[in-house]
Amino acid sequence: MAFDKADARKQEASRAMEAEQSARDAVLQKTARLRAQRLAKEAAEAETAAIVASEQAQAKAEIVEAKAAAKAAKTKTATDKAAKSAERVAKAAEKAEKAAKRATAE
């Protein structure tokens, strides 16, 4: 009978240890799962940040390009206006020269 009691206590202790080990395993699994979720979230946030930074850089580049195009257009407009003015001055000079030749010929 003492043997049966000792055996029962051993079995009970064994079940308690198995339950404790099972609880530890569950905690470890949950910890690993939470860590994996955290790492996945951090990776997703890093990817999102990289995408946002890339889009911001692209937007800035487009702004710089648009400003350069606007400046070039202004420069072209100014150059075209100057060329037209020079043409008008040249035509006026030709007319004045012709008029002067006519005046001296008469």
PDB file of N, CA and C in Angstrom:
ATOM      1  N   MET A   1       0.808  -1.182   0.000  1.00  0.00           N
ATOM      2  CA  MET A   1       0.000   0.000   0.000  1.00  0.00           C
ATOM      3  C   MET A   1       0.868   1.270   0.000  1.00  0.00           C
ATOM      4  N   ALA A   2       1.947   1.224   0.740  1.00  0.00           N
ATOM      5  CA  ALA A   2       2.862   2.363   0.749  1.00  0.00           C
ATOM      6  C   ALA A   2       3.448   2.558  -0.634  1.00  0.00           C
ATOM      7  N   PHE A   3       3.664   1.409  -1.293  1.00  0.00           N
ATOM      8  CA  PHE A   3       4.195   1.483  -2.653  1.00  0.00           C
ATOM      9  C   PHE A   3       3.201   2.172  -3.581  1.00  0.00           C
ATOM     10  N   ASP A   4       1.917   1.861  -3.430  1.00  0.00           N
ATOM     11  CA  ASP A   4       0.874   2.475  -4.256  1.00  0.00           C
ATOM     12  C   ASP A   4       0.791   3.978  -4.008  1.00  0.00           C
ATOM     13  N   LYS A   5       0.928   4.375  -2.735  1.00  0.00           N
ATOM     14  CA  LYS A   5       0.878   5.806  -2.415  1.00  0.00           C
ATOM     15  C   LYS A   5       2.080   6.519  -3.020  1.00  0.00           C
ATOM     16  N   ALA A   6       3.249   5.895  -2.907  1.00  0.00           N
ATOM     17  CA  ALA A   6       4.459   6.503  -3.467  1.00  0.00           C
ATOM     18  C   ALA A   6       4.336   6.600  -4.986  1.00  0.00           C
ATOM     19  N   ASP A   7       3.805   5.544  -5.592  1.00  0.00           N
ATOM     20  CA  ASP A   7       3.623   5.539  -7.045  1.00  0.00           C
ATOM     21  C   ASP A   7       2.614   6.610  -7.459  1.00  0.00           C
ATOM     22  N   ALA A   8       1.556   6.760  -6.695  1.00  0.00           N
ATOM     23  CA  ALA A   8       0.543   7.778  -6.987  1.00  0.00           C
ATOM     24  C   ALA A   8       1.149   9.170  -6.871  1.00  0.00           C
ATOM     25  N   ARG A   9       1.992   9.361  -5.837  1.00  0.00           N
ATOM     26  CA  ARG A   9       2.641  10.673  -5.679  1.00  0.00           C
ATOM     27  C   ARG A   9       3.591  10.947  -6.847  1.00  0.00           C
ATOM     28  N   LYS A  10       4.319   9.908  -7.280  1.00  0.00           N
ATOM     29  CA  LYS A  10       5.226  10.074  -8.425  1.00  0.00           C
ATOM     30  C   LYS A  10       4.435  10.451  -9.674  1.00  0.00           C
ATOM     31  N   GLN A  11       3.330   9.761  -9.886  1.00  0.00           N
ATOM     32  CA  GLN A  11       2.514  10.057 -11.065  1.00  0.00           C
ATOM     33  C   GLN A  11       1.936  11.471 -10.992  1.00  0.00           C
ATOM     34  N   GLU A  12       1.508  11.839  -9.789  1.00  0.00           N
ATOM     35  CA  GLU A  12       0.963  13.189  -9.609  1.00  0.00           C
ATOM     36  C   GLU A  12       2.045  14.230  -9.842  1.00  0.00           C
ATOM     37  N   ALA A  13       3.239  13.988  -9.310  1.00  0.00           N
ATOM     38  CA  ALA A  13       4.358  14.911  -9.511  1.00  0.00           C
ATOM     39  C   ALA A  13       4.720  14.974 -10.991  1.00  0.00           C
ATOM     40  N   SER A  14       4.698  13.822 -11.634  1.00  0.00           N
ATOM     41  CA  SER A  14       5.014  13.771 -13.061  1.00  0.00           C
ATOM     42  C   SER A  14       3.991  14.566 -13.866  1.00  0.00           C
ATOM     43  N   ARG A  15       2.709  14.408 -13.552  1.00  0.00           N
ATOM     44  CA  ARG A  15       1.660  15.162 -14.244  1.00  0.00           C
ATOM     45  C   ARG A  15       1.816  16.663 -13.984  1.00  0.00           C
ATOM     46  N   ALA A  16       2.167  17.009 -12.743  1.00  0.00           N
ATOM     47  CA  ALA A  16       2.353  18.426 -12.408  1.00  0.00           C
ATOM     48  C   ALA A  16       3.527  19.000 -13.201  1.00  0.00           C
ATOM     49  N   MET A  17       4.619  18.222 -13.310  1.00  0.00           N
ATOM     50  CA  MET A  17       5.780  18.689 -14.072  1.00  0.00           C
ATOM     51  C   MET A  17       5.440  18.816 -15.557  1.00  0.00           C
ATOM     52  N   GLU A  18       4.664  17.860 -16.065  1.00  0.00           N
ATOM     53  CA  GLU A  18       4.252  17.929 -17.466  1.00  0.00           C
ATOM     54  C   GLU A  18       3.367  19.146 -17.708  1.00  0.00           C
ATOM     55  N   ALA A  19       2.469  19.415 -16.772  1.00  0.00           N
ATOM     56  CA  ALA A  19       1.592  20.579 -16.900  1.00  0.00           C
ATOM     57  C   ALA A  19       2.414  21.865 -16.849  1.00  0.00           C
ATOM     58  N   GLU A  20       3.398  21.897 -15.936  1.00  0.00           N
ATOM     59  CA  GLU A  20       4.261  23.078 -15.818  1.00  0.00           C
ATOM     60  C   GLU A  20       5.081  23.262 -17.097  1.00  0.00           C
ATOM     61  N   GLN A  21       5.617  22.160 -17.616  1.00  0.00           N
ATOM     62  CA  GLN A  21       6.398  22.229 -18.856  1.00  0.00           C
ATOM     63  C   GLN A  21       5.514  22.663 -20.026  1.00  0.00           C
ATOM     64  N   SER A  22       4.303  22.156 -20.052  1.00  0.00           N
ATOM     65  CA  SER A  22       3.354  22.534 -21.101  1.00  0.00           C
ATOM     66  C   SER A  22       3.041  24.029 -21.023  1.00  0.00           C
ATOM     67  N   ALA A  23       2.876  24.532 -19.803  1.00  0.00           N
ATOM     68  CA  ALA A  23       2.611  25.964 -19.615  1.00  0.00           C
ATOM     69  C   ALA A  23       3.809  26.787 -20.078  1.00  0.00           C
ATOM     70  N   ARG A  24       5.038  26.339 -19.738  1.00  0.00           N
ATOM     71  CA  ARG A  24       6.255  27.036 -20.176  1.00  0.00           C
ATOM     72  C   ARG A  24       6.351  27.045 -21.703  1.00  0.00           C
ATOM     73  N   ASP A  25       6.048  25.885 -22.303  1.00  0.00           N
ATOM     74  CA  ASP A  25       6.092  25.796 -23.764  1.00  0.00           C
ATOM     75  C   ASP A  25       5.086  26.751 -24.402  1.00  0.00           C
ATOM     76  N   ALA A  26       3.903  26.843 -23.813  1.00  0.00           N
ATOM     77  CA  ALA A  26       2.878  27.749 -24.338  1.00  0.00           C
ATOM     78  C   ALA A  26       3.348  29.199 -24.254  1.00  0.00           C
ATOM     79  N   VAL A  27       3.984  29.555 -23.129  1.00  0.00           N
ATOM     80  CA  VAL A  27       4.506  30.915 -22.967  1.00  0.00           C
ATOM     81  C   VAL A  27       5.592  31.182 -24.001  1.00  0.00           C
ATOM     82  N   LEU A  28       6.492  30.211 -24.204  1.00  0.00           N
ATOM     83  CA  LEU A  28       7.563  30.384 -25.188  1.00  0.00           C
ATOM     84  C   LEU A  28       7.003  30.530 -26.602  1.00  0.00           C
ATOM     85  N   GLN A  29       5.994  29.727 -26.921  1.00  0.00           N
ATOM     86  CA  GLN A  29       5.376  29.825 -28.244  1.00  0.00           C
ATOM     87  C   GLN A  29       4.701  31.175 -28.445  1.00  0.00           C
ATOM     88  N   LYS A  30       4.006  31.632 -27.397  1.00  0.00           N
ATOM     89  CA  LYS A  30       3.341  32.930 -27.498  1.00  0.00           C
ATOM     90  C   LYS A  30       4.379  34.041 -27.651  1.00  0.00           C
ATOM     91  N   THR A  31       5.465  33.953 -26.883  1.00  0.00           N
ATOM     92  CA  THR A  31       6.531  34.950 -26.969  1.00  0.00           C
ATOM     93  C   THR A  31       7.129  34.970 -28.375  1.00  0.00           C
ATOM     94  N   ALA A  32       7.395  33.784 -28.915  1.00  0.00           N
ATOM     95  CA  ALA A  32       7.958  33.699 -30.266  1.00  0.00           C
ATOM     96  C   ALA A  32       6.988  34.263 -31.299  1.00  0.00           C
ATOM     97  N   ARG A  33       5.703  33.960 -31.150  1.00  0.00           N
ATOM     98  CA  ARG A  33       4.685  34.456 -32.074  1.00  0.00           C
ATOM     99  C   ARG A  33       4.593  35.986 -32.003  1.00  0.00           C
ATOM    100  N   LEU A  34       4.605  36.530 -30.775  1.00  0.00           N
ATOM    101  CA  LEU A  34       4.535  37.987 -30.617  1.00  0.00           C
ATOM    102  C   LEU A  34       5.778  38.667 -31.195  1.00  0.00           C
ATOM    103  N   ARG A  35       6.930  38.043 -30.988  1.00  0.00           N
ATOM    104  CA  ARG A  35       8.175  38.608 -31.532  1.00  0.00           C
ATOM    105  C   ARG A  35       8.128  38.603 -33.058  1.00  0.00           C
ATOM    106  N   ALA A  36       7.649  37.513 -33.634  1.00  0.00           N
ATOM    107  CA  ALA A  36       7.535  37.434 -35.093  1.00  0.00           C
ATOM    108  C   ALA A  36       6.577  38.500 -35.618  1.00  0.00           C
ATOM    109  N   GLN A  37       5.473  38.708 -34.901  1.00  0.00           N
ATOM    110  CA  GLN A  37       4.518  39.743 -35.316  1.00  0.00           C
ATOM    111  C   GLN A  37       5.151  41.128 -35.235  1.00  0.00           C
ATOM    112  N   ARG A  38       5.900  41.372 -34.160  1.00  0.00           N
ATOM    113  CA  ARG A  38       6.557  42.676 -33.989  1.00  0.00           C
ATOM    114  C   ARG A  38       7.573  42.914 -35.103  1.00  0.00           C
ATOM    115  N   LEU A  39       8.361  41.883 -35.408  1.00  0.00           N
ATOM    116  CA  LEU A  39       9.359  42.022 -36.470  1.00  0.00           C
ATOM    117  C   LEU A  39       8.693  42.248 -37.828  1.00  0.00           C
ATOM    118  N   ALA A  40       7.595  41.556 -38.069  1.00  0.00           N
ATOM    119  CA  ALA A  40       6.863  41.752 -39.329  1.00  0.00           C
ATOM    120  C   ALA A  40       6.313  43.174 -39.413  1.00  0.00           C
ATOM    121  N   LYS A  41       5.807  43.670 -38.288  1.00  0.00           N
ATOM    122  CA  LYS A  41       5.274  45.038 -38.259  1.00  0.00           C
ATOM    123  C   LYS A  41       6.391  46.046 -38.513  1.00  0.00           C
ATOM    124  N   GLU A  42       7.541  45.843 -37.867  1.00  0.00           N
ATOM    125  CA  GLU A  42       8.675  46.744 -38.070  1.00  0.00           C
ATOM    126  C   GLU A  42       9.142  46.718 -39.520  1.00  0.00           C
ATOM    127  N   ALA A  43       9.164  45.535 -40.118  1.00  0.00           N
ATOM    128  CA  ALA A  43       9.571  45.421 -41.519  1.00  0.00           C
ATOM    129  C   ALA A  43       8.589  46.154 -42.427  1.00  0.00           C
ATOM    130  N   ALA A  44       7.307  46.008 -42.145  1.00  0.00           N
ATOM    131  CA  ALA A  44       6.285  46.694 -42.946  1.00  0.00           C
ATOM    132  C   ALA A  44       6.405  48.207 -42.786  1.00  0.00           C
ATOM    133  N   GLU A  45       6.654  48.663 -41.562  1.00  0.00           N
ATOM    134  CA  GLU A  45       6.819  50.100 -41.327  1.00  0.00           C
ATOM    135  C   GLU A  45       8.052  50.627 -42.046  1.00  0.00           C
ATOM    136  N   ALA A  46       9.138  49.860 -42.029  1.00  0.00           N
ATOM    137  CA  ALA A  46      10.357  50.275 -42.722  1.00  0.00           C
ATOM    138  C   ALA A  46      10.120  50.350 -44.229  1.00  0.00           C
ATOM    139  N   GLU A  47       9.391  49.377 -44.749  1.00  0.00           N
ATOM    140  CA  GLU A  47       9.083  49.378 -46.183  1.00  0.00           C
ATOM    141  C   GLU A  47       8.214  50.581 -46.537  1.00  0.00           C
ATOM    142  N   THR A  48       7.221  50.860 -45.694  1.00  0.00           N
ATOM    143  CA  THR A  48       6.353  52.015 -45.928  1.00  0.00           C
ATOM    144  C   THR A  48       7.162  53.307 -45.882  1.00  0.00           C
ATOM    145  N   ALA A  49       8.062  53.413 -44.904  1.00  0.00           N
ATOM    146  CA  ALA A  49       8.898  54.611 -44.794  1.00  0.00           C
ATOM    147  C   ALA A  49       9.773  54.776 -46.035  1.00  0.00           C
ATOM    148  N   ALA A  50      10.307  53.679 -46.536  1.00  0.00           N
ATOM    149  CA  ALA A  50      11.139  53.746 -47.738  1.00  0.00           C
ATOM    150  C   ALA A  50      10.324  54.193 -48.945  1.00  0.00           C
ATOM    151  N   ILE A  51       9.106  53.682 -49.050  1.00  0.00           N
ATOM    152  CA  ILE A  51       8.236  54.071 -50.166  1.00  0.00           C
ATOM    153  C   ILE A  51       7.892  55.554 -50.073  1.00  0.00           C
ATOM    154  N   VAL A  52       7.558  56.013 -48.871  1.00  0.00           N
ATOM    155  CA  VAL A  52       7.215  57.426 -48.673  1.00  0.00           C
ATOM    156  C   VAL A  52       8.411  58.307 -49.011  1.00  0.00           C
ATOM    157  N   ALA A  53       9.602  57.922 -48.544  1.00  0.00           N
ATOM    158  CA  ALA A  53      10.805  58.705 -48.832  1.00  0.00           C
ATOM    159  C   ALA A  53      11.074  58.753 -50.331  1.00  0.00           C
ATOM    160  N   SER A  54      10.884  57.636 -50.988  1.00  0.00           N
ATOM    161  CA  SER A  54      11.089  57.583 -52.439  1.00  0.00           C
ATOM    162  C   SER A  54      10.107  58.496 -53.164  1.00  0.00           C
ATOM    163  N   GLU A  55       8.844  58.448 -52.746  1.00  0.00           N
ATOM    164  CA  GLU A  55       7.829  59.297 -53.376  1.00  0.00           C
ATOM    165  C   GLU A  55       8.111  60.775 -53.115  1.00  0.00           C
ATOM    166  N   GLN A  56       8.580  61.098 -51.907  1.00  0.00           N
ATOM    167  CA  GLN A  56       8.912  62.488 -51.599  1.00  0.00           C
ATOM    168  C   GLN A  56      10.085  62.959 -52.450  1.00  0.00           C
ATOM    169  N   ALA A  57      11.092  62.104 -52.593  1.00  0.00           N
ATOM    170  CA  ALA A  57      12.247  62.465 -53.412  1.00  0.00           C
ATOM    171  C   ALA A  57      11.831  62.661 -54.866  1.00  0.00           C
ATOM    172  N   GLN A  58      10.956  61.798 -55.353  1.00  0.00           N
ATOM    173  CA  GLN A  58      10.476  61.922 -56.729  1.00  0.00           C
ATOM    174  C   GLN A  58       9.685  63.218 -56.899  1.00  0.00           C
ATOM    175  N   ALA A  59       8.847  63.536 -55.913  1.00  0.00           N
ATOM    176  CA  ALA A  59       8.063  64.774 -55.984  1.00  0.00           C
ATOM    177  C   ALA A  59       8.984  65.992 -55.984  1.00  0.00           C
ATOM    178  N   LYS A  60      10.018  65.966 -55.141  1.00  0.00           N
ATOM    179  CA  LYS A  60      10.971  67.081 -55.110  1.00  0.00           C
ATOM    180  C   LYS A  60      11.692  67.209 -56.444  1.00  0.00           C
ATOM    181  N   ALA A  61      12.086  66.076 -57.021  1.00  0.00           N
ATOM    182  CA  ALA A  61      12.763  66.099 -58.318  1.00  0.00           C
ATOM    183  C   ALA A  61      11.847  66.676 -59.394  1.00  0.00           C
ATOM    184  N   GLU A  62      10.569  66.306 -59.349  1.00  0.00           N
ATOM    185  CA  GLU A  62       9.612  66.839 -60.320  1.00  0.00           C
ATOM    186  C   GLU A  62       9.431  68.341 -60.141  1.00  0.00           C
ATOM    187  N   ILE A  63       9.432  68.806 -58.892  1.00  0.00           N
ATOM    188  CA  ILE A  63       9.308  70.246 -58.627  1.00  0.00           C
ATOM    189  C   ILE A  63      10.516  70.984 -59.181  1.00  0.00           C
ATOM    190  N   VAL A  64      11.715  70.436 -58.912  1.00  0.00           N
ATOM    191  CA  VAL A  64      12.941  71.064 -59.418  1.00  0.00           C
ATOM    192  C   VAL A  64      12.922  71.092 -60.942  1.00  0.00           C
ATOM    193  N   GLU A  65      12.494  69.995 -61.544  1.00  0.00           N
ATOM    194  CA  GLU A  65      12.427  69.920 -63.008  1.00  0.00           C
ATOM    195  C   GLU A  65      11.424  70.933 -63.556  1.00  0.00           C
ATOM    196  N   ALA A  66      10.278  71.062 -62.891  1.00  0.00           N
ATOM    197  CA  ALA A  66       9.263  72.020 -63.334  1.00  0.00           C
ATOM    198  C   ALA A  66       9.778  73.453 -63.209  1.00  0.00           C
ATOM    199  N   LYS A  67      10.489  73.738 -62.112  1.00  0.00           N
ATOM    200  CA  LYS A  67      11.054  75.079 -61.938  1.00  0.00           C
ATOM    201  C   LYS A  67      12.088  75.370 -63.019  1.00  0.00           C
ATOM    202  N   ALA A  68      12.924  74.369 -63.316  1.00  0.00           N
ATOM    203  CA  ALA A  68      13.935  74.551 -64.358  1.00  0.00           C
ATOM    204  C   ALA A  68      13.274  74.777 -65.718  1.00  0.00           C
ATOM    205  N   ALA A  69      12.203  74.035 -65.991  1.00  0.00           N
ATOM    206  CA  ALA A  69      11.488  74.207 -67.259  1.00  0.00           C
ATOM    207  C   ALA A  69      10.854  75.596 -67.334  1.00  0.00           C
ATOM    208  N   ALA A  70      10.287  76.055 -66.212  1.00  0.00           N
ATOM    209  CA  ALA A  70       9.683  77.391 -66.183  1.00  0.00           C
ATOM    210  C   ALA A  70      10.741  78.462 -66.407  1.00  0.00           C
ATOM    211  N   LYS A  71      11.900  78.285 -65.789  1.00  0.00           N
ATOM    212  CA  LYS A  71      12.992  79.252 -65.952  1.00  0.00           C
ATOM    213  C   LYS A  71      13.480  79.248 -67.400  1.00  0.00           C
ATOM    214  N   ALA A  72      13.597  78.046 -67.964  1.00  0.00           N
ATOM    215  CA  ALA A  72      14.029  77.948 -69.360  1.00  0.00           C
ATOM    216  C   ALA A  72      13.011  78.606 -70.284  1.00  0.00           C
ATOM    217  N   ALA A  73      11.727  78.415 -69.980  1.00  0.00           N
ATOM    218  CA  ALA A  73      10.678  79.033 -70.795  1.00  0.00           C
ATOM    219  C   ALA A  73      10.751  80.551 -70.694  1.00  0.00           C
ATOM    220  N   LYS A  74      10.979  81.056 -69.486  1.00  0.00           N
ATOM    221  CA  LYS A  74      11.107  82.509 -69.307  1.00  0.00           C
ATOM    222  C   LYS A  74      12.313  83.026 -70.078  1.00  0.00           C
ATOM    223  N   THR A  75      13.422  82.301 -69.996  1.00  0.00           N
ATOM    224  CA  THR A  75      14.641  82.702 -70.702  1.00  0.00           C
ATOM    225  C   THR A  75      14.399  82.686 -72.208  1.00  0.00           C
ATOM    226  N   LYS A  76      13.717  81.644 -72.696  1.00  0.00           N
ATOM    227  CA  LYS A  76      13.419  81.547 -74.130  1.00  0.00           C
ATOM    228  C   LYS A  76      12.517  82.692 -74.548  1.00  0.00           C
ATOM    229  N   THR A  77      11.518  82.992 -73.729  1.00  0.00           N
ATOM    230  CA  THR A  77      10.606  84.094 -74.043  1.00  0.00           C
ATOM    231  C   THR A  77      11.373  85.406 -74.101  1.00  0.00           C
ATOM    232  N   ALA A  78      12.247  85.614 -73.125  1.00  0.00           N
ATOM    233  CA  ALA A  78      13.043  86.843 -73.104  1.00  0.00           C
ATOM    234  C   ALA A  78      13.968  86.894 -74.314  1.00  0.00           C
ATOM    235  N   THR A  79      14.569  85.767 -74.661  1.00  0.00           N
ATOM    236  CA  THR A  79      15.465  85.714 -75.821  1.00  0.00           C
ATOM    237  C   THR A  79      14.690  85.983 -77.105  1.00  0.00           C
ATOM    238  N   ASP A  80      13.503  85.375 -77.218  1.00  0.00           N
ATOM    239  CA  ASP A  80      12.669  85.596 -78.400  1.00  0.00           C
ATOM    240  C   ASP A  80      12.273  87.067 -78.518  1.00  0.00           C
ATOM    241  N   LYS A  81      11.909  87.673 -77.391  1.00  0.00           N
ATOM    242  CA  LYS A  81      11.535  89.090 -77.406  1.00  0.00           C
ATOM    243  C   LYS A  81      12.723  89.947 -77.818  1.00  0.00           C
ATOM    244  N   ALA A  82      13.907  89.624 -77.287  1.00  0.00           N
ATOM    245  CA  ALA A  82      15.106  90.388 -77.640  1.00  0.00           C
ATOM    246  C   ALA A  82      15.424  90.227 -79.124  1.00  0.00           C
ATOM    247  N   ALA A  83      15.261  89.010 -79.641  1.00  0.00           N
ATOM    248  CA  ALA A  83      15.527  88.772 -81.063  1.00  0.00           C
ATOM    249  C   ALA A  83      14.549  89.559 -81.926  1.00  0.00           C
ATOM    250  N   LYS A  84      13.275  89.580 -81.542  1.00  0.00           N
ATOM    251  CA  LYS A  84      12.282  90.340 -82.306  1.00  0.00           C
ATOM    252  C   LYS A  84      12.597  91.831 -82.261  1.00  0.00           C
ATOM    253  N   SER A  85      13.010  92.298 -81.087  1.00  0.00           N
ATOM    254  CA  SER A  85      13.375  93.710 -80.963  1.00  0.00           C
ATOM    255  C   SER A  85      14.571  94.021 -81.849  1.00  0.00           C
ATOM    256  N   ALA A  86      15.545  93.127 -81.865  1.00  0.00           N
ATOM    257  CA  ALA A  86      16.731  93.331 -82.703  1.00  0.00           C
ATOM    258  C   ALA A  86      16.345  93.349 -84.177  1.00  0.00           C
ATOM    259  N   GLU A  87      15.423  92.477 -84.567  1.00  0.00           N
ATOM    260  CA  GLU A  87      14.953  92.462 -85.957  1.00  0.00           C
ATOM    261  C   GLU A  87      14.274  93.783 -86.308  1.00  0.00           C
ATOM    262  N   ARG A  88      13.439  94.273 -85.386  1.00  0.00           N
ATOM    263  CA  ARG A  88      12.754  95.546 -85.635  1.00  0.00           C
ATOM    264  C   ARG A  88      13.762  96.690 -85.757  1.00  0.00           C
ATOM    265  N   VAL A  89      14.772  96.675 -84.882  1.00  0.00           N
ATOM    266  CA  VAL A  89      15.797  97.724 -84.932  1.00  0.00           C
ATOM    267  C   VAL A  89      16.560  97.632 -86.249  1.00  0.00           C
ATOM    268  N   ALA A  90      16.886  96.403 -86.670  1.00  0.00           N
ATOM    269  CA  ALA A  90      17.618  96.220 -87.930  1.00  0.00           C
ATOM    270  C   ALA A  90      16.780  96.712 -89.106  1.00  0.00           C
ATOM    271  N   LYS A  91      15.485  96.387 -89.121  1.00  0.00           N
ATOM    272  CA  LYS A  91      14.603  96.848 -90.199  1.00  0.00           C
ATOM    273  C   LYS A  91      14.504  98.369 -90.189  1.00  0.00           C
ATOM    274  N   ALA A  92      14.395  98.927 -88.981  1.00  0.00           N
ATOM    275  CA  ALA A  92      14.317 100.386 -88.877  1.00  0.00           C
ATOM    276  C   ALA A  92      15.614 101.017 -89.375  1.00  0.00           C
ATOM    277  N   ALA A  93      16.748 100.386 -89.059  1.00  0.00           N
ATOM    278  CA  ALA A  93      18.039 100.904 -89.515  1.00  0.00           C
ATOM    279  C   ALA A  93      18.138 100.826 -91.034  1.00  0.00           C
ATOM    280  N   GLU A  94      17.644  99.724 -91.616  1.00  0.00           N
ATOM    281  CA  GLU A  94      17.650  99.589 -93.078  1.00  0.00           C
ATOM    282  C   GLU A  94      16.794 100.675 -93.714  1.00  0.00           C
ATOM    283  N   LYS A  95      15.628 100.906 -93.149  1.00  0.00           N
ATOM    284  CA  LYS A  95      14.742 101.946 -93.683  1.00  0.00           C
ATOM    285  C   LYS A  95      15.405 103.315 -93.578  1.00  0.00           C
ATOM    286  N   ALA A  96      16.049 103.553 -92.429  1.00  0.00           N
ATOM    287  CA  ALA A  96      16.716 104.843 -92.241  1.00  0.00           C
ATOM    288  C   ALA A  96      17.860 104.997 -93.233  1.00  0.00           C
ATOM    289  N   GLU A  97      18.585 103.895 -93.466  1.00  0.00           N
ATOM    290  CA  GLU A  97      19.704 103.949 -94.415  1.00  0.00           C
ATOM    291  C   GLU A  97      19.182 104.218 -95.827  1.00  0.00           C
ATOM    292  N   LYS A  98      18.094 103.538 -96.211  1.00  0.00           N
ATOM    293  CA  LYS A  98      17.506 103.751 -97.536  1.00  0.00           C
ATOM    294  C   LYS A  98      17.009 105.186 -97.666  1.00  0.00           C
ATOM    295  N   ALA A  99      16.393 105.667 -96.601  1.00  0.00           N
ATOM    296  CA  ALA A  99      15.890 107.041 -96.632  1.00  0.00           C
ATOM    297  C   ALA A  99      17.050 108.023 -96.746  1.00  0.00           C
ATOM    298  N   ALA A 100      18.146 107.729 -96.059  1.00  0.00           N
ATOM    299  CA  ALA A 100      19.308 108.615 -96.115  1.00  0.00           C
ATOM    300  C   ALA A 100      19.921 108.590 -97.513  1.00  0.00           C
ATOM    301  N   LYS A 101      19.958 107.408 -98.138  1.00  0.00           N
ATOM    302  CA  LYS A 101      20.505 107.299 -99.494  1.00  0.00           C
ATOM    303  C   LYS A 101      19.633 108.075-100.472  1.00  0.00           C
ATOM    304  N   ARG A 102      18.317 107.960-100.309  1.00  0.00           N
ATOM    305  CA  ARG A 102      17.405 108.693-101.185  1.00  0.00           C
ATOM    306  C   ARG A 102      17.576 110.196-100.993  1.00  0.00           C
ATOM    307  N   ALA A 103      17.748 110.582 -99.746  1.00  0.00           N
ATOM    308  CA  ALA A 103      17.877 112.009 -99.461  1.00  0.00           C
ATOM    309  C   ALA A 103      19.182 112.552-100.044  1.00  0.00           C
ATOM    310  N   THR A 104      20.238 111.777-100.003  1.00  0.00           N
ATOM    311  CA  THR A 104      21.513 112.247-100.548  1.00  0.00           C
ATOM    312  C   THR A 104      21.527 112.141-102.067  1.00  0.00           C
ATOM    313  N   ALA A 105      20.744 111.238-102.622  1.00  0.00           N
ATOM    314  CA  ALA A 105      20.681 111.083-104.070  1.00  0.00           C
ATOM    315  C   ALA A 105      19.889 112.230-104.692  1.00  0.00           C
ATOM    316  N   GLU A 106      19.008 112.803-104.007  1.00  0.00           N
ATOM    317  CA  GLU A 106      18.172 113.869-104.545  1.00  0.00           C
ATOM    318  C   GLU A 106      18.802 115.163-104.382  1.00  0.00           C
TER     319      GLU A 106
END
